[in-house]
Amino acid sequence: MDIALAVTVGGLYAAGIYMMLRRSVVKLLIGLGLLSHAANLLIFTAGGLVRGRVPVVSDGQSQPLAEIADPLPQALILTAIVISFAVLAFALVLIYRTHQTLGTDDLDQLKATDT
């Protein structure tokens, strides 16, 4: 199971970097999304996949009786999802405004507008 997730993470990173190296700004945005998904899956895999109960200890107990899932990777991933959504939304608005102003999404043509 861990090997399949490692291959998936590697594939997502490779696809994300490949898309970010393309000339289109839209493909750059898609690559950024793929990189954020790969990072989330990497954190999830590094935290360990455990089918356990929720991490709640009942009254009168000092430790849980059964194996529990670690909540820290889940909290980190949830935070990363919110941050990556905000970054992607900002980049989408920035790309839209650039395309509206200059009429292109080709990075080589955008370089020619630098002053």
Protein backbone atom coordinates (compact mmCIF):
# COMPACT_ATOMS: atom_id res chain seq x y z
CA MET A 1 0.00 0.00 0.00
CA ASP A 2 2.82 2.41 0.87
CA ILE A 3 4.61 1.65 -2.39
CA ALA A 4 1.51 2.52 -4.40
CA LEU A 5 1.14 5.81 -2.53
CA ALA A 6 4.83 6.61 -3.03
CA VAL A 7 4.50 6.02 -6.77
CA THR A 8 1.35 8.16 -6.84
CA VAL A 9 3.09 11.00 -4.99
CA GLY A 10 6.05 10.79 -7.35
CA GLY A 11 3.75 10.80 -10.36
CA LEU A 12 1.86 13.83 -9.07
CA TYR A 13 5.10 15.72 -8.41
CA ALA A 14 6.43 14.81 -11.87
CA ALA A 15 3.19 15.83 -13.60
CA GLY A 16 3.02 19.05 -11.60
CA ILE A 17 6.57 20.07 -12.43
CA TYR A 18 6.06 19.13 -16.08
CA MET A 19 2.93 21.27 -16.25
CA MET A 20 4.68 24.19 -14.55
CA LEU A 21 7.42 24.10 -17.20
CA ARG A 22 4.93 24.57 -20.06
CA ARG A 23 4.53 27.94 -21.76
CA SER A 24 0.88 28.48 -20.88
CA VAL A 25 -0.04 30.22 -17.65
CA VAL A 26 -3.14 28.03 -17.31
CA LYS A 27 -0.95 24.92 -17.39
CA LEU A 28 1.24 26.54 -14.75
CA LEU A 29 -1.83 26.90 -12.55
CA ILE A 30 -2.78 23.24 -13.11
CA GLY A 31 0.78 22.23 -12.21
CA LEU A 32 0.58 24.27 -9.02
CA GLY A 33 -2.59 22.42 -8.08
CA LEU A 34 -0.97 19.05 -8.77
CA LEU A 35 2.02 19.98 -6.59
CA SER A 36 -0.25 20.93 -3.71
CA HIS A 37 -2.14 17.63 -4.03
CA ALA A 38 1.15 15.73 -4.07
CA ALA A 39 2.33 17.53 -0.93
CA ASN A 40 -0.93 16.73 0.85
CA LEU A 41 -0.69 13.06 -0.09
CA LEU A 42 2.94 12.99 1.02
CA ILE A 43 2.04 14.34 4.46
CA PHE A 44 -0.82 11.85 4.67
CA THR A 45 1.47 8.96 3.75
CA ALA A 46 4.25 10.08 6.12
CA GLY A 47 1.73 10.22 8.97
CA GLY A 48 1.00 6.54 8.50
CA LEU A 49 -2.17 4.94 7.29
CA VAL A 50 -3.97 3.52 10.30
CA ARG A 51 -7.53 2.34 10.38
CA GLY A 52 -8.20 3.30 13.94
CA ARG A 53 -10.76 4.97 16.07
CA VAL A 54 -11.09 8.65 16.66
CA PRO A 55 -8.47 9.96 19.11
CA VAL A 56 -10.82 10.46 22.06
CA VAL A 57 -10.12 8.98 25.49
CA SER A 58 -13.14 8.16 27.66
CA ASP A 59 -13.54 9.45 31.18
CA GLY A 60 -11.60 7.48 33.78
CA GLN A 61 -9.01 6.18 31.31
CA SER A 62 -5.45 7.37 31.00
CA GLN A 63 -4.91 6.04 27.49
CA PRO A 64 -7.08 4.70 24.68
CA LEU A 65 -7.85 0.98 24.67
CA ALA A 66 -7.61 0.45 20.91
CA GLU A 67 -5.32 1.77 18.20
CA ILE A 68 -6.19 5.36 17.29
CA ALA A 69 -5.57 7.46 14.21
CA ASP A 70 -3.03 10.28 14.55
CA PRO A 71 -4.89 13.61 14.22
CA LEU A 72 -1.80 15.76 13.52
CA PRO A 73 -1.30 14.80 9.83
CA GLN A 74 -5.03 15.27 9.26
CA ALA A 75 -4.90 18.76 10.77
CA LEU A 76 -1.82 19.65 8.71
CA ILE A 77 -3.47 18.45 5.51
CA LEU A 78 -6.66 20.36 6.26
CA THR A 79 -4.64 23.53 6.78
CA ALA A 80 -2.64 22.89 3.61
CA ILE A 81 -5.85 22.39 1.61
CA VAL A 82 -7.20 25.75 2.75
CA ILE A 83 -3.94 27.54 2.01
CA SER A 84 -3.52 25.91 -1.40
CA PHE A 85 -7.12 26.79 -2.31
CA ALA A 86 -6.44 30.43 -1.41
CA VAL A 87 -3.21 30.49 -3.44
CA LEU A 88 -4.91 28.88 -6.44
CA ALA A 89 -7.83 31.31 -6.24
CA PHE A 90 -5.44 34.27 -6.10
CA ALA A 91 -3.40 32.91 -9.02
CA LEU A 92 -6.57 32.32 -11.04
CA VAL A 93 -7.71 35.91 -10.51
CA LEU A 94 -4.23 37.19 -11.36
CA ILE A 95 -4.12 35.11 -14.54
CA TYR A 96 -7.61 36.23 -15.53
CA ARG A 97 -6.70 39.88 -15.07
CA THR A 98 -3.44 39.43 -17.01
CA HIS A 99 -5.27 37.75 -19.87
CA GLN A 100 -7.93 40.44 -19.83
CA THR A 101 -5.32 43.20 -20.01
CA LEU A 102 -2.79 41.66 -22.43
CA GLY A 103 -4.92 39.17 -24.34
CA THR A 104 -2.50 36.25 -24.04
CA ASP A 105 -1.50 33.51 -21.65
CA ASP A 106 1.81 32.61 -23.36
CA LEU A 107 4.73 33.20 -21.01
CA ASP A 108 7.08 34.20 -23.83
CA GLN A 109 4.69 36.92 -24.97
CA LEU A 110 4.20 38.06 -21.38
CA LYS A 111 8.00 38.47 -21.08
CA ALA A 112 7.94 40.93 -23.96
CA THR A 113 5.65 43.26 -21.95
CA ASP A 114 8.22 43.77 -19.18
CA THR A 115 9.59 47.28 -18.97
